[in-house]
Amino acid sequence: MDLTLEAAAAAARACTRCADLPLGPRPVFRVSPTARLLVIGQAPGTRVHATGIPWNDPSGDRLRDWLGMDRDAFYDVTRIAIVPTGLCYPGRLPRGGDAPPRPECAPLWHPRLIGPMRARRLTLLVGSHAIRSVLGRAAAAQLGETVRNFATCLPRGYFPLPHPSWRTRSWAADRPWFAAEALPALRRAVTAALDG
């Protein structure tokens, strides 16, 4: 591994900046200097926190289905890197659901972990927190609008997606263009990034 990336990964794994997290800090990510596809999600859930394997939950199953990819291909770190917006499980909101990623995490670690991965050809922005973190003001006010306009992000190497939680089923059912247009384009873009 590139020494800069190796040092950044070691530092990130040892990070205790958010020692006050409900389950304590446990950064979960995968980086590689040869990765051509980068997946930026939101933050690990409890199952991912427990196993230390990113996207190792039903949301990950749905994401892999969207990609048309099995687990072996998805977890091939030589080809696919995974760096969430928040590296650690952020806890729960009082009214239910996971809390958003800690705001200090991405500015601290993304430049150090993502910057050295120069083989990247495509970055998937999975969920509203990831989309806003990377696209900033270029993201539309509504998630659906940003996802529907995925083609405008492709020239910059990004593909925005909703978070693949169980809630997305009803979201996608109300937006038939997602399955008809976005998912085929996603699979083509991923194939081109990995093989082209």
N, C-alpha and C. Protein backbone atom coordinates (compact mmCIF):
# COMPACT_ATOMS: atom_id res chain seq x y z
N MET A 1 0.85 -1.18 0.00
CA MET A 1 0.00 0.00 0.00
C MET A 1 0.89 1.24 0.00
N ASP A 2 0.43 2.29 -0.66
CA ASP A 2 1.11 3.57 -0.65
C ASP A 2 1.36 3.99 0.80
N LEU A 3 2.60 4.45 1.10
CA LEU A 3 2.95 4.77 2.48
C LEU A 3 2.07 5.87 3.06
N THR A 4 1.72 6.87 2.25
CA THR A 4 0.85 7.94 2.72
C THR A 4 -0.52 7.39 3.07
N LEU A 5 -1.07 6.56 2.21
CA LEU A 5 -2.38 5.97 2.45
C LEU A 5 -2.32 4.99 3.62
N GLU A 6 -1.27 4.22 3.70
CA GLU A 6 -1.12 3.28 4.82
C GLU A 6 -1.05 4.01 6.15
N ALA A 7 -0.31 5.10 6.20
CA ALA A 7 -0.21 5.88 7.44
C ALA A 7 -1.56 6.51 7.80
N ALA A 8 -2.27 7.03 6.79
CA ALA A 8 -3.58 7.63 7.05
C ALA A 8 -4.57 6.58 7.55
N ALA A 9 -4.55 5.39 6.94
CA ALA A 9 -5.45 4.32 7.37
C ALA A 9 -5.15 3.90 8.80
N ALA A 10 -3.88 3.79 9.15
CA ALA A 10 -3.50 3.41 10.51
C ALA A 10 -3.96 4.47 11.51
N ALA A 11 -3.77 5.74 11.15
CA ALA A 11 -4.19 6.82 12.04
C ALA A 11 -5.71 6.84 12.19
N ALA A 12 -6.43 6.62 11.10
CA ALA A 12 -7.90 6.62 11.16
C ALA A 12 -8.40 5.46 12.02
N ARG A 13 -7.78 4.30 11.88
CA ARG A 13 -8.22 3.14 12.68
C ARG A 13 -7.98 3.35 14.16
N ALA A 14 -6.98 4.17 14.50
CA ALA A 14 -6.66 4.44 15.90
C ALA A 14 -7.38 5.67 16.45
N CYS A 15 -8.19 6.32 15.61
CA CYS A 15 -8.83 7.57 16.01
C CYS A 15 -9.78 7.37 17.20
N THR A 16 -9.66 8.23 18.19
CA THR A 16 -10.57 8.24 19.34
C THR A 16 -11.17 9.63 19.54
N ARG A 17 -11.15 10.43 18.48
CA ARG A 17 -11.66 11.80 18.57
C ARG A 17 -13.09 11.83 19.08
N CYS A 18 -13.88 10.83 18.70
CA CYS A 18 -15.29 10.77 19.12
C CYS A 18 -15.46 9.71 20.20
N ALA A 19 -14.68 9.82 21.26
CA ALA A 19 -14.73 8.82 22.33
C ALA A 19 -16.08 8.80 23.04
N ASP A 20 -16.90 9.85 22.85
CA ASP A 20 -18.20 9.94 23.51
C ASP A 20 -19.31 9.22 22.75
N LEU A 21 -19.00 8.57 21.63
CA LEU A 21 -20.04 7.84 20.89
C LEU A 21 -20.64 6.74 21.75
N PRO A 22 -21.94 6.45 21.57
CA PRO A 22 -22.61 5.47 22.44
C PRO A 22 -21.93 4.10 22.50
N LEU A 23 -21.43 3.62 21.37
CA LEU A 23 -20.75 2.32 21.35
C LEU A 23 -19.23 2.48 21.30
N GLY A 24 -18.76 3.69 21.46
CA GLY A 24 -17.33 3.96 21.38
C GLY A 24 -16.87 4.04 19.93
N PRO A 25 -15.69 4.55 19.72
CA PRO A 25 -15.18 4.65 18.34
C PRO A 25 -14.76 3.30 17.79
N ARG A 26 -15.15 3.02 16.57
CA ARG A 26 -14.68 1.88 15.81
C ARG A 26 -14.78 2.24 14.33
N PRO A 27 -13.77 2.90 13.80
CA PRO A 27 -13.81 3.29 12.39
C PRO A 27 -13.90 2.06 11.48
N VAL A 28 -14.83 2.10 10.54
CA VAL A 28 -15.03 1.00 9.59
C VAL A 28 -14.91 1.57 8.17
N PHE A 29 -13.87 1.16 7.46
CA PHE A 29 -13.63 1.63 6.10
C PHE A 29 -12.64 0.67 5.44
N ARG A 30 -12.50 0.80 4.13
CA ARG A 30 -11.53 0.02 3.35
C ARG A 30 -10.93 0.93 2.29
N VAL A 31 -9.62 0.97 2.23
CA VAL A 31 -8.94 1.80 1.24
C VAL A 31 -7.87 0.99 0.52
N SER A 32 -7.54 1.41 -0.69
CA SER A 32 -6.52 0.74 -1.48
C SER A 32 -6.04 1.69 -2.56
N PRO A 33 -4.73 1.73 -2.82
CA PRO A 33 -4.23 2.61 -3.89
C PRO A 33 -4.65 2.15 -5.28
N THR A 34 -5.13 0.91 -5.40
CA THR A 34 -5.52 0.39 -6.72
C THR A 34 -7.03 0.42 -6.95
N ALA A 35 -7.80 0.84 -5.95
CA ALA A 35 -9.27 0.85 -6.07
C ALA A 35 -9.71 1.82 -7.15
N ARG A 36 -10.56 1.34 -8.03
CA ARG A 36 -11.09 2.18 -9.13
C ARG A 36 -12.49 2.71 -8.82
N LEU A 37 -13.17 2.05 -7.87
CA LEU A 37 -14.51 2.47 -7.45
C LEU A 37 -14.45 2.80 -5.97
N LEU A 38 -15.01 3.94 -5.60
CA LEU A 38 -15.10 4.35 -4.20
C LEU A 38 -16.57 4.47 -3.83
N VAL A 39 -16.94 3.89 -2.70
CA VAL A 39 -18.30 3.99 -2.17
C VAL A 39 -18.24 4.87 -0.93
N ILE A 40 -18.90 6.02 -0.99
CA ILE A 40 -19.02 6.88 0.19
C ILE A 40 -20.45 6.78 0.67
N GLY A 41 -20.63 6.16 1.82
CA GLY A 41 -21.96 6.05 2.42
C GLY A 41 -22.12 7.06 3.53
N GLN A 42 -23.00 6.78 4.45
CA GLN A 42 -23.29 7.73 5.52
C GLN A 42 -22.46 7.43 6.75
N ALA A 43 -22.76 6.34 7.45
CA ALA A 43 -22.01 5.94 8.63
C ALA A 43 -22.40 4.49 8.94
N PRO A 44 -21.54 3.76 9.62
CA PRO A 44 -21.87 2.37 9.95
C PRO A 44 -23.11 2.29 10.85
N GLY A 45 -23.87 1.23 10.68
CA GLY A 45 -24.96 0.91 11.60
C GLY A 45 -24.43 -0.01 12.70
N THR A 46 -25.32 -0.48 13.56
CA THR A 46 -24.88 -1.31 14.69
C THR A 46 -24.28 -2.64 14.22
N ARG A 47 -24.86 -3.25 13.19
CA ARG A 47 -24.33 -4.53 12.71
C ARG A 47 -22.95 -4.36 12.10
N VAL A 48 -22.77 -3.29 11.34
CA VAL A 48 -21.46 -3.02 10.76
C VAL A 48 -20.46 -2.70 11.88
N HIS A 49 -20.89 -1.94 12.87
CA HIS A 49 -20.02 -1.65 14.01
C HIS A 49 -19.57 -2.95 14.69
N ALA A 50 -20.51 -3.87 14.87
CA ALA A 50 -20.19 -5.13 15.57
C ALA A 50 -19.24 -6.01 14.76
N THR A 51 -19.41 -6.04 13.44
CA THR A 51 -18.61 -6.95 12.62
C THR A 51 -17.34 -6.31 12.06
N GLY A 52 -17.35 -4.98 11.95
CA GLY A 52 -16.21 -4.29 11.34
C GLY A 52 -16.17 -4.44 9.83
N ILE A 53 -17.26 -4.91 9.23
CA ILE A 53 -17.34 -5.10 7.77
C ILE A 53 -18.33 -4.09 7.21
N PRO A 54 -17.88 -3.17 6.35
CA PRO A 54 -18.80 -2.17 5.83
C PRO A 54 -19.91 -2.77 4.97
N TRP A 55 -21.08 -2.19 5.06
CA TRP A 55 -22.25 -2.61 4.28
C TRP A 55 -22.60 -4.09 4.52
N ASN A 56 -22.33 -4.57 5.73
CA ASN A 56 -22.62 -5.96 6.09
C ASN A 56 -23.97 -6.03 6.79
N ASP A 57 -25.01 -5.64 6.07
CA ASP A 57 -26.35 -5.57 6.64
C ASP A 57 -27.35 -5.58 5.48
N PRO A 58 -28.65 -5.55 5.77
CA PRO A 58 -29.64 -5.56 4.68
C PRO A 58 -29.47 -4.39 3.70
N SER A 59 -29.04 -3.22 4.19
CA SER A 59 -28.79 -2.10 3.27
C SER A 59 -27.67 -2.45 2.29
N GLY A 60 -26.66 -3.13 2.77
CA GLY A 60 -25.57 -3.57 1.90
C GLY A 60 -26.05 -4.58 0.87
N ASP A 61 -26.95 -5.47 1.30
CA ASP A 61 -27.51 -6.44 0.34
C ASP A 61 -28.24 -5.71 -0.79
N ARG A 62 -29.03 -4.68 -0.42
CA ARG A 62 -29.77 -3.92 -1.42
C ARG A 62 -28.81 -3.13 -2.32
N LEU A 63 -27.76 -2.54 -1.74
CA LEU A 63 -26.79 -1.81 -2.55
C LEU A 63 -26.11 -2.75 -3.55
N ARG A 64 -25.71 -3.93 -3.10
CA ARG A 64 -25.07 -4.89 -4.02
C ARG A 64 -26.05 -5.33 -5.11
N ASP A 65 -27.33 -5.44 -4.76
CA ASP A 65 -28.33 -5.77 -5.77
C ASP A 65 -28.43 -4.65 -6.81
N TRP A 66 -28.43 -3.40 -6.36
CA TRP A 66 -28.45 -2.28 -7.30
C TRP A 66 -27.25 -2.33 -8.23
N LEU A 67 -26.10 -2.72 -7.68
CA LEU A 67 -24.86 -2.76 -8.47
C LEU A 67 -24.78 -3.99 -9.36
N GLY A 68 -25.63 -5.00 -9.08
CA GLY A 68 -25.53 -6.27 -9.79
C GLY A 68 -24.23 -6.98 -9.45
N MET A 69 -23.88 -6.95 -8.16
CA MET A 69 -22.57 -7.42 -7.72
C MET A 69 -22.73 -8.37 -6.52
N ASP A 70 -21.95 -9.45 -6.51
CA ASP A 70 -21.99 -10.35 -5.35
C ASP A 70 -21.02 -9.85 -4.27
N ARG A 71 -21.06 -10.51 -3.11
CA ARG A 71 -20.24 -10.08 -1.97
C ARG A 71 -18.74 -10.16 -2.29
N ASP A 72 -18.32 -11.23 -2.96
CA ASP A 72 -16.89 -11.37 -3.25
C ASP A 72 -16.38 -10.20 -4.09
N ALA A 73 -17.13 -9.83 -5.11
CA ALA A 73 -16.72 -8.71 -5.96
C ALA A 73 -16.75 -7.40 -5.17
N PHE A 74 -17.79 -7.21 -4.37
CA PHE A 74 -17.95 -5.96 -3.63
C PHE A 74 -16.84 -5.77 -2.60
N TYR A 75 -16.39 -6.84 -2.00
CA TYR A 75 -15.37 -6.73 -0.96
C TYR A 75 -13.95 -6.95 -1.47
N ASP A 76 -13.76 -6.88 -2.77
CA ASP A 76 -12.41 -6.96 -3.34
C ASP A 76 -11.77 -5.58 -3.19
N VAL A 77 -10.99 -5.42 -2.12
CA VAL A 77 -10.43 -4.11 -1.78
C VAL A 77 -9.43 -3.62 -2.81
N THR A 78 -8.91 -4.50 -3.64
CA THR A 78 -8.00 -4.03 -4.69
C THR A 78 -8.75 -3.24 -5.75
N ARG A 79 -10.07 -3.43 -5.82
CA ARG A 79 -10.87 -2.75 -6.85
C ARG A 79 -11.88 -1.76 -6.28
N ILE A 80 -12.35 -2.01 -5.05
CA ILE A 80 -13.41 -1.17 -4.47
C ILE A 80 -13.00 -0.71 -3.07
N ALA A 81 -13.02 0.60 -2.88
CA ALA A 81 -12.76 1.19 -1.57
C ALA A 81 -14.08 1.67 -0.98
N ILE A 82 -14.16 1.68 0.34
CA ILE A 82 -15.38 2.09 1.03
C ILE A 82 -14.98 3.03 2.17
N VAL A 83 -15.43 4.27 2.08
CA VAL A 83 -15.11 5.27 3.11
C VAL A 83 -16.39 6.04 3.42
N PRO A 84 -17.03 5.78 4.55
CA PRO A 84 -18.27 6.50 4.85
C PRO A 84 -18.01 7.96 5.23
N THR A 85 -19.08 8.74 5.24
CA THR A 85 -18.99 10.14 5.66
C THR A 85 -18.57 10.24 7.11
N GLY A 86 -19.12 9.37 7.94
CA GLY A 86 -18.69 9.21 9.33
C GLY A 86 -18.14 7.81 9.49
N LEU A 87 -16.92 7.69 9.96
CA LEU A 87 -16.28 6.37 10.00
C LEU A 87 -16.83 5.47 11.10
N CYS A 88 -17.48 6.05 12.12
CA CYS A 88 -17.96 5.27 13.26
C CYS A 88 -19.48 5.36 13.39
N TYR A 89 -20.06 4.38 14.08
CA TYR A 89 -21.50 4.38 14.34
C TYR A 89 -21.84 5.60 15.20
N PRO A 90 -22.77 6.46 14.73
CA PRO A 90 -23.02 7.71 15.42
C PRO A 90 -24.05 7.65 16.55
N GLY A 91 -24.72 6.51 16.73
CA GLY A 91 -25.75 6.41 17.75
C GLY A 91 -27.14 6.60 17.15
N ARG A 92 -28.13 6.69 18.03
CA ARG A 92 -29.53 6.80 17.61
C ARG A 92 -30.08 8.20 17.90
N LEU A 93 -31.07 8.56 17.11
CA LEU A 93 -31.81 9.79 17.38
C LEU A 93 -32.85 9.52 18.45
N PRO A 94 -33.24 10.52 19.23
CA PRO A 94 -34.24 10.29 20.28
C PRO A 94 -35.56 9.72 19.75
N ARG A 95 -35.96 10.12 18.53
CA ARG A 95 -37.23 9.64 17.97
C ARG A 95 -37.05 8.39 17.13
N GLY A 96 -35.87 7.80 17.13
CA GLY A 96 -35.62 6.59 16.35
C GLY A 96 -34.80 6.87 15.11
N GLY A 97 -34.18 5.84 14.59
CA GLY A 97 -33.31 5.98 13.44
C GLY A 97 -31.91 6.36 13.86
N ASP A 98 -30.95 6.09 12.99
CA ASP A 98 -29.57 6.41 13.31
C ASP A 98 -29.34 7.92 13.23
N ALA A 99 -28.47 8.40 14.09
CA ALA A 99 -28.07 9.81 14.06
C ALA A 99 -27.26 10.07 12.79
N PRO A 100 -27.15 11.32 12.38
CA PRO A 100 -26.32 11.62 11.21
C PRO A 100 -24.85 11.41 11.53
N PRO A 101 -24.02 11.28 10.50
CA PRO A 101 -22.58 11.15 10.74
C PRO A 101 -22.05 12.36 11.51
N ARG A 102 -21.04 12.15 12.32
CA ARG A 102 -20.44 13.26 13.05
C ARG A 102 -19.84 14.25 12.05
N PRO A 103 -20.12 15.55 12.19
CA PRO A 103 -19.69 16.52 11.18
C PRO A 103 -18.19 16.72 11.08
N GLU A 104 -17.45 16.40 12.13
CA GLU A 104 -15.99 16.61 12.08
C GLU A 104 -15.25 15.47 11.40
N CYS A 105 -15.92 14.37 11.14
CA CYS A 105 -15.23 13.17 10.63
C CYS A 105 -14.76 13.31 9.18
N ALA A 106 -15.66 13.62 8.27
CA ALA A 106 -15.28 13.70 6.85
C ALA A 106 -14.20 14.75 6.59
N PRO A 107 -14.30 15.98 7.14
CA PRO A 107 -13.23 16.94 6.89
C PRO A 107 -11.88 16.48 7.43
N LEU A 108 -11.89 15.71 8.50
CA LEU A 108 -10.63 15.23 9.09
C LEU A 108 -10.03 14.09 8.28
N TRP A 109 -10.86 13.12 7.86
CA TRP A 109 -10.31 11.88 7.29
C TRP A 109 -10.43 11.75 5.77
N HIS A 110 -11.42 12.32 5.16
CA HIS A 110 -11.58 12.13 3.71
C HIS A 110 -10.38 12.60 2.89
N PRO A 111 -9.85 13.78 3.15
CA PRO A 111 -8.68 14.18 2.34
C PRO A 111 -7.50 13.21 2.50
N ARG A 112 -7.31 12.68 3.69
CA ARG A 112 -6.18 11.80 3.96
C ARG A 112 -6.39 10.39 3.43
N LEU A 113 -7.64 9.92 3.44
CA LEU A 113 -7.93 8.56 2.98
C LEU A 113 -8.26 8.51 1.50
N ILE A 114 -8.98 9.50 1.01
CA ILE A 114 -9.44 9.47 -0.38
C ILE A 114 -8.41 10.10 -1.33
N GLY A 115 -7.78 11.17 -0.90
CA GLY A 115 -6.82 11.87 -1.75
C GLY A 115 -5.76 10.97 -2.37
N PRO A 116 -5.12 10.08 -1.59
CA PRO A 116 -4.08 9.22 -2.16
C PRO A 116 -4.57 8.12 -3.09
N MET A 117 -5.89 7.89 -3.15
CA MET A 117 -6.41 6.82 -4.01
C MET A 117 -6.59 7.37 -5.43
N ARG A 118 -5.51 7.48 -6.15
CA ARG A 118 -5.51 8.13 -7.46
C ARG A 118 -6.00 7.25 -8.60
N ALA A 119 -6.22 5.97 -8.34
CA ALA A 119 -6.75 5.08 -9.40
C ALA A 119 -8.26 5.19 -9.52
N ARG A 120 -8.91 5.94 -8.63
CA ARG A 120 -10.37 6.10 -8.63
C ARG A 120 -10.88 6.60 -9.97
N ARG A 121 -11.93 5.94 -10.45
CA ARG A 121 -12.59 6.38 -11.69
C ARG A 121 -14.03 6.82 -11.43
N LEU A 122 -14.64 6.28 -10.36
CA LEU A 122 -16.04 6.59 -10.06
C LEU A 122 -16.23 6.54 -8.56
N THR A 123 -17.01 7.50 -8.04
CA THR A 123 -17.35 7.54 -6.63
C THR A 123 -18.87 7.51 -6.49
N LEU A 124 -19.37 6.51 -5.78
CA LEU A 124 -20.80 6.42 -5.49
C LEU A 124 -21.08 7.21 -4.22
N LEU A 125 -22.03 8.12 -4.28
CA LEU A 125 -22.44 8.91 -3.12
C LEU A 125 -23.77 8.34 -2.65
N VAL A 126 -23.73 7.57 -1.57
CA VAL A 126 -24.89 6.78 -1.16
C VAL A 126 -25.56 7.42 0.05
N GLY A 127 -26.70 8.05 -0.20
CA GLY A 127 -27.47 8.68 0.86
C GLY A 127 -27.26 10.19 0.89
N SER A 128 -28.23 10.88 1.49
CA SER A 128 -28.21 12.34 1.47
C SER A 128 -27.01 12.94 2.18
N HIS A 129 -26.55 12.33 3.26
CA HIS A 129 -25.39 12.88 3.98
C HIS A 129 -24.14 12.80 3.11
N ALA A 130 -23.95 11.70 2.43
CA ALA A 130 -22.79 11.55 1.55
C ALA A 130 -22.89 12.53 0.38
N ILE A 131 -24.07 12.66 -0.18
CA ILE A 131 -24.27 13.56 -1.32
C ILE A 131 -23.95 15.00 -0.92
N ARG A 132 -24.51 15.44 0.20
CA ARG A 132 -24.27 16.83 0.65
C ARG A 132 -22.81 17.04 1.05
N SER A 133 -22.20 16.04 1.68
CA SER A 133 -20.81 16.17 2.12
C SER A 133 -19.88 16.39 0.93
N VAL A 134 -20.13 15.69 -0.17
CA VAL A 134 -19.23 15.77 -1.32
C VAL A 134 -19.66 16.85 -2.31
N LEU A 135 -20.94 16.89 -2.66
CA LEU A 135 -21.39 17.84 -3.68
C LEU A 135 -21.66 19.23 -3.13
N GLY A 136 -21.91 19.34 -1.85
CA GLY A 136 -22.18 20.65 -1.25
C GLY A 136 -23.34 21.35 -1.93
N ARG A 137 -23.11 22.59 -2.37
CA ARG A 137 -24.17 23.39 -2.98
C ARG A 137 -24.61 22.86 -4.34
N ALA A 138 -23.78 22.00 -4.94
CA ALA A 138 -24.16 21.43 -6.24
C ALA A 138 -25.27 20.39 -6.10
N ALA A 139 -25.53 19.93 -4.87
CA ALA A 139 -26.62 18.99 -4.65
C ALA A 139 -27.95 19.74 -4.67
N ALA A 140 -28.95 19.13 -5.26
CA ALA A 140 -30.28 19.73 -5.27
C ALA A 140 -30.87 19.68 -3.86
N ALA A 141 -31.85 20.52 -3.61
CA ALA A 141 -32.49 20.55 -2.29
C ALA A 141 -33.15 19.22 -1.96
N GLN A 142 -33.69 18.55 -2.98
CA GLN A 142 -34.37 17.27 -2.77
C GLN A 142 -33.48 16.13 -3.26
N LEU A 143 -33.38 15.09 -2.46
CA LEU A 143 -32.57 13.93 -2.81
C LEU A 143 -32.97 13.36 -4.16
N GLY A 144 -34.26 13.20 -4.39
CA GLY A 144 -34.75 12.62 -5.64
C GLY A 144 -34.29 13.39 -6.87
N GLU A 145 -34.25 14.71 -6.75
CA GLU A 145 -33.82 15.54 -7.88
C GLU A 145 -32.33 15.32 -8.17
N THR A 146 -31.52 15.22 -7.12
CA THR A 146 -30.09 14.98 -7.31
C THR A 146 -29.86 13.62 -7.95
N VAL A 147 -30.57 12.60 -7.44
CA VAL A 147 -30.42 11.25 -7.98
C VAL A 147 -30.91 11.20 -9.43
N ARG A 148 -32.03 11.83 -9.69
CA ARG A 148 -32.57 11.79 -11.06
C ARG A 148 -31.63 12.48 -12.06
N ASN A 149 -30.89 13.47 -11.60
CA ASN A 149 -29.95 14.19 -12.45
C ASN A 149 -28.54 13.60 -12.36
N PHE A 150 -28.47 12.29 -12.14
CA PHE A 150 -27.17 11.63 -11.99
C PHE A 150 -26.23 11.90 -13.17
N ALA A 151 -26.77 12.05 -14.36
CA ALA A 151 -25.93 12.25 -15.54
C ALA A 151 -25.10 13.52 -15.46
N THR A 152 -25.58 14.51 -14.72
CA THR A 152 -24.82 15.76 -14.59
C THR A 152 -23.62 15.58 -13.65
N CYS A 153 -23.67 14.55 -12.82
CA CYS A 153 -22.57 14.29 -11.87
C CYS A 153 -21.50 13.38 -12.47
N LEU A 154 -21.87 12.58 -13.46
CA LEU A 154 -20.94 11.60 -14.03
C LEU A 154 -19.66 12.22 -14.61
N PRO A 155 -19.74 13.36 -15.30
CA PRO A 155 -18.49 13.93 -15.83
C PRO A 155 -17.46 14.25 -14.74
N ARG A 156 -17.96 14.50 -13.51
CA ARG A 156 -17.05 14.78 -12.39
C ARG A 156 -16.67 13.50 -11.63
N GLY A 157 -17.19 12.36 -12.10
CA GLY A 157 -16.83 11.08 -11.48
C GLY A 157 -17.69 10.67 -10.31
N TYR A 158 -18.89 11.23 -10.20
CA TYR A 158 -19.79 10.90 -9.09
C TYR A 158 -21.09 10.31 -9.61
N PHE A 159 -21.67 9.41 -8.79
CA PHE A 159 -23.00 8.89 -9.08
C PHE A 159 -23.79 8.93 -7.77
N PRO A 160 -24.78 9.84 -7.65
CA PRO A 160 -25.56 9.95 -6.41
C PRO A 160 -26.66 8.88 -6.35
N LEU A 161 -26.85 8.35 -5.15
CA LEU A 161 -27.86 7.32 -4.92
C LEU A 161 -28.59 7.59 -3.60
N PRO A 162 -29.82 7.13 -3.48
CA PRO A 162 -30.47 7.18 -2.17
C PRO A 162 -29.81 6.15 -1.26
N HIS A 163 -30.04 6.29 0.03
CA HIS A 163 -29.54 5.25 0.94
C HIS A 163 -30.39 4.00 0.73
N PRO A 164 -29.77 2.83 0.63
CA PRO A 164 -30.54 1.61 0.31
C PRO A 164 -31.20 0.95 1.53
N SER A 165 -31.73 1.74 2.44
CA SER A 165 -32.42 1.18 3.60
C SER A 165 -33.79 0.65 3.17
N TRP A 166 -34.48 0.00 4.09
CA TRP A 166 -35.80 -0.54 3.79
C TRP A 166 -36.76 0.57 3.37
N ARG A 167 -36.52 1.79 3.85
CA ARG A 167 -37.41 2.91 3.49
C ARG A 167 -37.35 3.23 2.00
N THR A 168 -36.26 2.86 1.34
CA THR A 168 -36.08 3.19 -0.07
C THR A 168 -37.08 2.44 -0.95
N ARG A 169 -37.62 1.34 -0.49
CA ARG A 169 -38.57 0.59 -1.31
C ARG A 169 -39.75 1.47 -1.70
N SER A 170 -40.33 2.16 -0.73
CA SER A 170 -41.48 3.02 -1.06
C SER A 170 -41.02 4.23 -1.86
N TRP A 171 -39.83 4.77 -1.54
CA TRP A 171 -39.28 5.90 -2.30
C TRP A 171 -39.13 5.50 -3.77
N ALA A 172 -38.54 4.33 -4.02
CA ALA A 172 -38.32 3.86 -5.40
C ALA A 172 -39.65 3.53 -6.09
N ALA A 173 -40.60 3.00 -5.34
CA ALA A 173 -41.91 2.66 -5.94
C ALA A 173 -42.60 3.91 -6.47
N ASP A 174 -42.39 5.04 -5.79
CA ASP A 174 -42.98 6.31 -6.23
C ASP A 174 -42.18 6.96 -7.36
N ARG A 175 -41.02 6.41 -7.66
CA ARG A 175 -40.14 6.98 -8.69
C ARG A 175 -39.67 5.88 -9.62
N PRO A 176 -40.54 5.42 -10.52
CA PRO A 176 -40.18 4.30 -11.39
C PRO A 176 -38.96 4.56 -12.26
N TRP A 177 -38.60 5.82 -12.48
CA TRP A 177 -37.41 6.15 -13.25
C TRP A 177 -36.14 5.63 -12.58
N PHE A 178 -36.19 5.43 -11.24
CA PHE A 178 -34.98 4.97 -10.54
C PHE A 178 -34.57 3.59 -11.05
N ALA A 179 -35.51 2.65 -11.10
CA ALA A 179 -35.21 1.30 -11.59
C ALA A 179 -35.03 1.29 -13.11
N ALA A 180 -35.81 2.12 -13.80
CA ALA A 180 -35.79 2.08 -15.27
C ALA A 180 -34.59 2.80 -15.86
N GLU A 181 -34.14 3.88 -15.23
CA GLU A 181 -33.07 4.70 -15.81
C GLU A 181 -31.80 4.71 -14.96
N ALA A 182 -31.95 4.99 -13.67
CA ALA A 182 -30.77 5.18 -12.83
C ALA A 182 -29.99 3.88 -12.60
N LEU A 183 -30.68 2.80 -12.28
CA LEU A 183 -29.96 1.56 -11.98
C LEU A 183 -29.21 0.99 -13.19
N PRO A 184 -29.81 0.95 -14.38
CA PRO A 184 -29.02 0.49 -15.54
C PRO A 184 -27.81 1.38 -15.79
N ALA A 185 -27.98 2.70 -15.64
CA ALA A 185 -26.86 3.62 -15.84
C ALA A 185 -25.79 3.41 -14.76
N LEU A 186 -26.24 3.14 -13.54
CA LEU A 186 -25.29 2.85 -12.46
C LEU A 186 -24.44 1.63 -12.79
N ARG A 187 -25.08 0.56 -13.23
CA ARG A 187 -24.33 -0.66 -13.54
C ARG A 187 -23.36 -0.44 -14.69
N ARG A 188 -23.77 0.32 -15.67
CA ARG A 188 -22.86 0.62 -16.79
C ARG A 188 -21.67 1.45 -16.31
N ALA A 189 -21.92 2.44 -15.46
CA ALA A 189 -20.85 3.29 -14.96
C ALA A 189 -19.87 2.51 -14.09
N VAL A 190 -20.40 1.63 -13.26
CA VAL A 190 -19.54 0.81 -12.40
C VAL A 190 -18.69 -0.14 -13.24
N THR A 191 -19.30 -0.79 -14.22
CA THR A 191 -18.55 -1.68 -15.10
C THR A 191 -17.44 -0.94 -15.83
N ALA A 192 -17.75 0.26 -16.34
CA ALA A 192 -16.75 1.06 -17.03
C ALA A 192 -15.62 1.46 -16.11
N ALA A 193 -15.95 1.82 -14.86
CA ALA A 193 -14.91 2.21 -13.92
C ALA A 193 -14.01 1.06 -13.54
N LEU A 194 -14.60 -0.11 -13.35
CA LEU A 194 -13.81 -1.26 -12.90
C LEU A 194 -13.05 -1.92 -14.03
N ASP A 195 -13.62 -1.92 -15.22
CA ASP A 195 -13.02 -2.67 -16.32
C ASP A 195 -12.45 -1.81 -17.44
N GLY A 196 -12.90 -0.56 -17.52
CA GLY A 196 -12.52 0.26 -18.66
C GLY A 196 -11.12 0.83 -18.56
